[in-house]
PDB file of all heavy atoms in Angstrom:
ATOM      1  N   PRO A   1      24.205  -4.750   0.180  1.00  0.00           N
ATOM      2  CA  PRO A   1      25.666  -4.805  -0.037  1.00  0.00           C
ATOM      3  C   PRO A   1      26.085  -3.824  -1.133  1.00  0.00           C
ATOM      4  O   PRO A   1      26.058  -4.147  -2.314  1.00  0.00           O
ATOM      5  CB  PRO A   1      25.898  -6.267  -0.448  1.00  0.00           C
ATOM      6  CG  PRO A   1      24.616  -6.671  -1.097  1.00  0.00           C
ATOM      7  CD  PRO A   1      23.514  -5.881  -0.466  1.00  0.00           C
ATOM      8  N   ALA A   2      26.468  -2.634  -0.739  1.00  0.00           N
ATOM      9  CA  ALA A   2      26.908  -1.621  -1.706  1.00  0.00           C
ATOM     10  C   ALA A   2      28.315  -1.931  -2.182  1.00  0.00           C
ATOM     11  O   ALA A   2      29.112  -2.564  -1.482  1.00  0.00           O
ATOM     12  CB  ALA A   2      26.852  -0.230  -1.076  1.00  0.00           C
ATOM     13  N   LEU A   3      28.616  -1.467  -3.382  1.00  0.00           N
ATOM     14  CA  LEU A   3      29.940  -1.688  -3.960  1.00  0.00           C
ATOM     15  C   LEU A   3      30.547  -0.334  -4.296  1.00  0.00           C
ATOM     16  O   LEU A   3      30.041   0.393  -5.144  1.00  0.00           O
ATOM     17  CB  LEU A   3      29.831  -2.556  -5.220  1.00  0.00           C
ATOM     18  CG  LEU A   3      31.105  -3.280  -5.657  1.00  0.00           C
ATOM     19  CD1 LEU A   3      31.571  -4.248  -4.594  1.00  0.00           C
ATOM     20  CD2 LEU A   3      30.892  -3.997  -6.971  1.00  0.00           C
ATOM     21  N   GLU A   4      31.616   0.027  -3.609  1.00  0.00           N
ATOM     22  CA  GLU A   4      32.331   1.279  -3.831  1.00  0.00           C
ATOM     23  C   GLU A   4      33.674   0.956  -4.451  1.00  0.00           C
ATOM     24  O   GLU A   4      34.601   0.540  -3.770  1.00  0.00           O
ATOM     25  CB  GLU A   4      32.509   2.036  -2.516  1.00  0.00           C
ATOM     26  CG  GLU A   4      31.212   2.467  -1.858  1.00  0.00           C
ATOM     27  CD  GLU A   4      30.546   3.603  -2.605  1.00  0.00           C
ATOM     28  OE1 GLU A   4      31.194   4.188  -3.500  1.00  0.00           O
ATOM     29  OE2 GLU A   4      29.380   3.907  -2.309  1.00  0.00           O
ATOM     30  N   GLY A   5      33.777   1.132  -5.774  1.00  0.00           N
ATOM     31  CA  GLY A   5      34.994   0.739  -6.470  1.00  0.00           C
ATOM     32  C   GLY A   5      35.132  -0.768  -6.443  1.00  0.00           C
ATOM     33  O   GLY A   5      34.336  -1.500  -7.028  1.00  0.00           O
ATOM     34  N   THR A   6      36.131  -1.270  -5.756  1.00  0.00           N
ATOM     35  CA  THR A   6      36.311  -2.708  -5.601  1.00  0.00           C
ATOM     36  C   THR A   6      35.967  -3.173  -4.195  1.00  0.00           C
ATOM     37  O   THR A   6      36.206  -4.332  -3.868  1.00  0.00           O
ATOM     38  CB  THR A   6      37.784  -3.078  -5.906  1.00  0.00           C
ATOM     39  OG1 THR A   6      38.646  -2.375  -4.994  1.00  0.00           O
ATOM     40  CG2 THR A   6      38.150  -2.697  -7.331  1.00  0.00           C
ATOM     41  N   ARG A   7      35.415  -2.291  -3.376  1.00  0.00           N
ATOM     42  CA  ARG A   7      35.204  -2.605  -1.970  1.00  0.00           C
ATOM     43  C   ARG A   7      33.715  -2.753  -1.675  1.00  0.00           C
ATOM     44  O   ARG A   7      32.943  -1.819  -1.868  1.00  0.00           O
ATOM     45  CB  ARG A   7      35.784  -1.486  -1.109  1.00  0.00           C
ATOM     46  CG  ARG A   7      35.652  -1.733   0.375  1.00  0.00           C
ATOM     47  CD  ARG A   7      36.262  -0.599   1.150  1.00  0.00           C
ATOM     48  NE  ARG A   7      36.692  -1.005   2.470  1.00  0.00           N
ATOM     49  CZ  ARG A   7      37.446  -0.272   3.252  1.00  0.00           C
ATOM     50  NH1 ARG A   7      37.845   0.910   2.857  1.00  0.00           N
ATOM     51  NH2 ARG A   7      37.808  -0.705   4.438  1.00  0.00           N
ATOM     52  N   PRO A   8      33.267  -3.916  -1.198  1.00  0.00           N
ATOM     53  CA  PRO A   8      31.864  -4.066  -0.792  1.00  0.00           C
ATOM     54  C   PRO A   8      31.654  -3.553   0.627  1.00  0.00           C
ATOM     55  O   PRO A   8      32.468  -3.780   1.520  1.00  0.00           O
ATOM     56  CB  PRO A   8      31.626  -5.575  -0.875  1.00  0.00           C
ATOM     57  CG  PRO A   8      32.984  -6.177  -0.654  1.00  0.00           C
ATOM     58  CD  PRO A   8      34.004  -5.186  -1.166  1.00  0.00           C
ATOM     59  N   VAL A   9      30.553  -2.843   0.840  1.00  0.00           N
ATOM     60  CA  VAL A   9      30.204  -2.290   2.148  1.00  0.00           C
ATOM     61  C   VAL A   9      28.736  -2.577   2.402  1.00  0.00           C
ATOM     62  O   VAL A   9      27.881  -2.211   1.586  1.00  0.00           O
ATOM     63  CB  VAL A   9      30.465  -0.773   2.216  1.00  0.00           C
ATOM     64  CG1 VAL A   9      30.084  -0.227   3.585  1.00  0.00           C
ATOM     65  CG2 VAL A   9      31.917  -0.457   1.911  1.00  0.00           C
ATOM     66  N   LEU A  10      28.431  -3.240   3.512  1.00  0.00           N
ATOM     67  CA  LEU A  10      27.050  -3.533   3.867  1.00  0.00           C
ATOM     68  C   LEU A  10      26.471  -2.382   4.672  1.00  0.00           C
ATOM     69  O   LEU A  10      27.050  -1.966   5.682  1.00  0.00           O
ATOM     70  CB  LEU A  10      26.962  -4.836   4.668  1.00  0.00           C
ATOM     71  CG  LEU A  10      26.707  -6.120   3.846  1.00  0.00           C
ATOM     72  CD1 LEU A  10      27.874  -6.387   2.916  1.00  0.00           C
ATOM     73  CD2 LEU A  10      26.473  -7.309   4.753  1.00  0.00           C
ATOM     74  N   VAL A  11      25.337  -1.857   4.216  1.00  0.00           N
ATOM     75  CA  VAL A  11      24.676  -0.748   4.888  1.00  0.00           C
ATOM     76  C   VAL A  11      23.212  -1.117   5.125  1.00  0.00           C
ATOM     77  O   VAL A  11      22.657  -1.995   4.460  1.00  0.00           O
ATOM     78  CB  VAL A  11      24.762   0.554   4.068  1.00  0.00           C
ATOM     79  CG1 VAL A  11      26.185   1.027   3.947  1.00  0.00           C
ATOM     80  CG2 VAL A  11      24.149   0.369   2.696  1.00  0.00           C
ATOM     81  N   GLU A  12      22.607  -0.428   6.071  1.00  0.00           N
ATOM     82  CA  GLU A  12      21.216  -0.675   6.426  1.00  0.00           C
ATOM     83  C   GLU A  12      20.329   0.420   5.852  1.00  0.00           C
ATOM     84  O   GLU A  12      20.583   1.611   6.047  1.00  0.00           O
ATOM     85  CB  GLU A  12      21.047  -0.727   7.940  1.00  0.00           C
ATOM     86  CG  GLU A  12      19.616  -1.022   8.378  1.00  0.00           C
ATOM     87  CD  GLU A  12      19.459  -0.996   9.887  1.00  0.00           C
ATOM     88  OE1 GLU A  12      20.454  -0.688  10.582  1.00  0.00           O
ATOM     89  OE2 GLU A  12      18.353  -1.272  10.374  1.00  0.00           O
ATOM     90  N   VAL A  13      19.303   0.010   5.117  1.00  0.00           N
ATOM     91  CA  VAL A  13      18.311   0.930   4.559  1.00  0.00           C
ATOM     92  C   VAL A  13      17.058   0.862   5.422  1.00  0.00           C
ATOM     93  O   VAL A  13      16.497  -0.221   5.625  1.00  0.00           O
ATOM     94  CB  VAL A  13      17.985   0.574   3.096  1.00  0.00           C
ATOM     95  CG1 VAL A  13      16.946   1.530   2.530  1.00  0.00           C
ATOM     96  CG2 VAL A  13      19.242   0.592   2.249  1.00  0.00           C
ATOM     97  N   GLN A  14      16.615   2.006   5.934  1.00  0.00           N
ATOM     98  CA  GLN A  14      15.468   2.070   6.835  1.00  0.00           C
ATOM     99  C   GLN A  14      14.336   2.846   6.175  1.00  0.00           C
ATOM    100  O   GLN A  14      14.571   3.903   5.571  1.00  0.00           O
ATOM    101  CB  GLN A  14      15.856   2.753   8.153  1.00  0.00           C
ATOM    102  CG  GLN A  14      17.008   2.072   8.878  1.00  0.00           C
ATOM    103  CD  GLN A  14      17.549   2.912  10.019  1.00  0.00           C
ATOM    104  OE1 GLN A  14      17.261   4.101  10.118  1.00  0.00           O
ATOM    105  NE2 GLN A  14      18.339   2.293  10.874  1.00  0.00           N
ATOM    106  N   ALA A  15      13.104   2.325   6.297  1.00  0.00           N
ATOM    107  CA  ALA A  15      11.917   2.974   5.740  1.00  0.00           C
ATOM    108  C   ALA A  15      10.836   3.065   6.802  1.00  0.00           C
ATOM    109  O   ALA A  15      10.716   2.175   7.660  1.00  0.00           O
ATOM    110  CB  ALA A  15      11.399   2.210   4.523  1.00  0.00           C
ATOM    111  N   LEU A  16      10.064   4.140   6.735  1.00  0.00           N
ATOM    112  CA  LEU A  16       8.957   4.363   7.670  1.00  0.00           C
ATOM    113  C   LEU A  16       7.760   4.875   6.888  1.00  0.00           C
ATOM    114  O   LEU A  16       7.887   5.837   6.110  1.00  0.00           O
ATOM    115  CB  LEU A  16       9.352   5.368   8.754  1.00  0.00           C
ATOM    116  CG  LEU A  16       8.257   5.739   9.768  1.00  0.00           C
ATOM    117  CD1 LEU A  16       7.845   4.521  10.579  1.00  0.00           C
ATOM    118  CD2 LEU A  16       8.723   6.867  10.675  1.00  0.00           C
ATOM    119  N   ILE A  17       6.604   4.223   7.076  1.00  0.00           N
ATOM    120  CA  ILE A  17       5.364   4.600   6.410  1.00  0.00           C
ATOM    121  C   ILE A  17       4.380   5.088   7.467  1.00  0.00           C
ATOM    122  O   ILE A  17       4.102   4.372   8.441  1.00  0.00           O
ATOM    123  CB  ILE A  17       4.757   3.427   5.620  1.00  0.00           C
ATOM    124  CG1 ILE A  17       5.802   2.816   4.673  1.00  0.00           C
ATOM    125  CG2 ILE A  17       3.524   3.876   4.855  1.00  0.00           C
ATOM    126  CD1 ILE A  17       6.277   3.749   3.598  1.00  0.00           C
ATOM    127  N   VAL A  18       3.851   6.300   7.292  1.00  0.00           N
ATOM    128  CA  VAL A  18       2.905   6.896   8.243  1.00  0.00           C
ATOM    129  C   VAL A  18       1.631   7.220   7.494  1.00  0.00           C
ATOM    130  O   VAL A  18       1.631   8.012   6.539  1.00  0.00           O
ATOM    131  CB  VAL A  18       3.490   8.172   8.886  1.00  0.00           C
ATOM    132  CG1 VAL A  18       2.488   8.765   9.879  1.00  0.00           C
ATOM    133  CG2 VAL A  18       4.809   7.864   9.574  1.00  0.00           C
ATOM    134  N   ARG A  19       0.519   6.597   7.918  1.00  0.00           N
ATOM    135  CA  ARG A  19      -0.781   6.858   7.301  1.00  0.00           C
ATOM    136  C   ARG A  19      -1.313   8.213   7.738  1.00  0.00           C
ATOM    137  O   ARG A  19      -1.200   8.601   8.896  1.00  0.00           O
ATOM    138  CB  ARG A  19      -1.776   5.768   7.688  1.00  0.00           C
ATOM    139  CG  ARG A  19      -1.495   4.414   7.055  1.00  0.00           C
ATOM    140  CD  ARG A  19      -1.662   4.478   5.554  1.00  0.00           C
ATOM    141  NE  ARG A  19      -1.376   3.185   4.916  1.00  0.00           N
ATOM    142  CZ  ARG A  19      -1.389   3.009   3.609  1.00  0.00           C
ATOM    143  NH1 ARG A  19      -1.649   4.025   2.802  1.00  0.00           N
ATOM    144  NH2 ARG A  19      -1.132   1.828   3.096  1.00  0.00           N
ATOM    145  N   LEU A  20      -1.925   8.942   6.790  1.00  0.00           N
ATOM    146  CA  LEU A  20      -2.451  10.274   7.062  1.00  0.00           C
ATOM    147  C   LEU A  20      -3.965  10.281   6.933  1.00  0.00           C
ATOM    148  O   LEU A  20      -4.577   9.373   6.354  1.00  0.00           O
ATOM    149  CB  LEU A  20      -1.855  11.294   6.082  1.00  0.00           C
ATOM    150  CG  LEU A  20      -0.340  11.497   6.133  1.00  0.00           C
ATOM    151  CD1 LEU A  20       0.069  12.493   5.068  1.00  0.00           C
ATOM    152  CD2 LEU A  20       0.087  11.982   7.501  1.00  0.00           C
ATOM    153  N   GLN A  21      -4.564  11.343   7.481  1.00  0.00           N
ATOM    154  CA  GLN A  21      -6.002  11.531   7.300  1.00  0.00           C
ATOM    155  C   GLN A  21      -6.271  11.886   5.846  1.00  0.00           C
ATOM    156  O   GLN A  21      -5.427  12.409   5.124  1.00  0.00           O
ATOM    157  CB  GLN A  21      -6.508  12.647   8.224  1.00  0.00           C
ATOM    158  CG  GLN A  21      -6.289  12.371   9.698  1.00  0.00           C
ATOM    159  CD  GLN A  21      -7.108  11.192  10.185  1.00  0.00           C
ATOM    160  OE1 GLN A  21      -8.182  10.908   9.653  1.00  0.00           O
ATOM    161  NE2 GLN A  21      -6.607  10.491  11.196  1.00  0.00           N
ATOM    162  N   SER A  22      -7.459  11.618   5.397  1.00  0.00           N
ATOM    163  CA  SER A  22      -7.807  11.883   4.001  1.00  0.00           C
ATOM    164  C   SER A  22      -7.723  13.383   3.720  1.00  0.00           C
ATOM    165  O   SER A  22      -8.156  14.211   4.528  1.00  0.00           O
ATOM    166  CB  SER A  22      -9.223  11.370   3.714  1.00  0.00           C
ATOM    167  OG  SER A  22     -10.159  12.015   4.561  1.00  0.00           O
ATOM    168  N   GLY A  23      -7.177  13.740   2.573  1.00  0.00           N
ATOM    169  CA  GLY A  23      -7.062  15.131   2.177  1.00  0.00           C
ATOM    170  C   GLY A  23      -5.727  15.764   2.501  1.00  0.00           C
ATOM    171  O   GLY A  23      -5.400  16.825   1.943  1.00  0.00           O
ATOM    172  N   ALA A  24      -4.956  15.178   3.410  1.00  0.00           N
ATOM    173  CA  ALA A  24      -3.655  15.744   3.761  1.00  0.00           C
ATOM    174  C   ALA A  24      -2.629  15.415   2.676  1.00  0.00           C
ATOM    175  O   ALA A  24      -2.702  14.375   2.024  1.00  0.00           O
ATOM    176  CB  ALA A  24      -3.188  15.200   5.107  1.00  0.00           C
ATOM    177  N   THR A  25      -1.679  16.310   2.494  1.00  0.00           N
ATOM    178  CA  THR A  25      -0.632  16.112   1.487  1.00  0.00           C
ATOM    179  C   THR A  25       0.499  15.284   2.081  1.00  0.00           C
ATOM    180  O   THR A  25       1.106  15.691   3.073  1.00  0.00           O
ATOM    181  CB  THR A  25      -0.086  17.463   1.006  1.00  0.00           C
ATOM    182  OG1 THR A  25      -1.149  18.250   0.476  1.00  0.00           O
ATOM    183  CG2 THR A  25       0.984  17.251  -0.067  1.00  0.00           C
ATOM    184  N   PRO A  26       0.768  14.114   1.529  1.00  0.00           N
ATOM    185  CA  PRO A  26       1.834  13.279   2.107  1.00  0.00           C
ATOM    186  C   PRO A  26       3.212  13.862   1.815  1.00  0.00           C
ATOM    187  O   PRO A  26       3.428  14.559   0.822  1.00  0.00           O
ATOM    188  CB  PRO A  26       1.645  11.935   1.405  1.00  0.00           C
ATOM    189  CG  PRO A  26       0.995  12.272   0.107  1.00  0.00           C
ATOM    190  CD  PRO A  26       0.130  13.472   0.366  1.00  0.00           C
ATOM    191  N   ARG A  27       4.142  13.544   2.689  1.00  0.00           N
ATOM    192  CA  ARG A  27       5.504  14.041   2.569  1.00  0.00           C
ATOM    193  C   ARG A  27       6.442  12.907   2.201  1.00  0.00           C
ATOM    194  O   ARG A  27       6.240  11.766   2.614  1.00  0.00           O
ATOM    195  CB  ARG A  27       5.937  14.664   3.895  1.00  0.00           C
ATOM    196  CG  ARG A  27       7.324  15.297   3.850  1.00  0.00           C
ATOM    197  CD  ARG A  27       7.715  15.835   5.205  1.00  0.00           C
ATOM    198  NE  ARG A  27       9.059  16.399   5.192  1.00  0.00           N
ATOM    199  CZ  ARG A  27       9.725  16.797   6.261  1.00  0.00           C
ATOM    200  NH1 ARG A  27       9.159  16.683   7.456  1.00  0.00           N
ATOM    201  NH2 ARG A  27      10.937  17.293   6.161  1.00  0.00           N
ATOM    202  N   ARG A  28       7.463  13.247   1.418  1.00  0.00           N
ATOM    203  CA  ARG A  28       8.511  12.297   1.050  1.00  0.00           C
ATOM    204  C   ARG A  28       9.860  12.867   1.508  1.00  0.00           C
ATOM    205  O   ARG A  28      10.274  13.928   1.035  1.00  0.00           O
ATOM    206  CB  ARG A  28       8.547  12.066  -0.464  1.00  0.00           C
ATOM    207  CG  ARG A  28       7.187  11.686  -1.069  1.00  0.00           C
ATOM    208  CD  ARG A  28       6.828  10.258  -0.731  1.00  0.00           C
ATOM    209  NE  ARG A  28       5.670   9.794  -1.466  1.00  0.00           N
ATOM    210  CZ  ARG A  28       4.458   9.677  -0.974  1.00  0.00           C
ATOM    211  NH1 ARG A  28       4.240  10.045   0.296  1.00  0.00           N
ATOM    212  NH2 ARG A  28       3.457   9.224  -1.683  1.00  0.00           N
TER     213      ARG A  28
END
């Protein structure tokens, strides 16, 4: 529930985790 000034707005936060092979540089 985000708050913009006096107005609450519900937003969806999405996350994805991908496992990598050893030695690879992970990305953000």
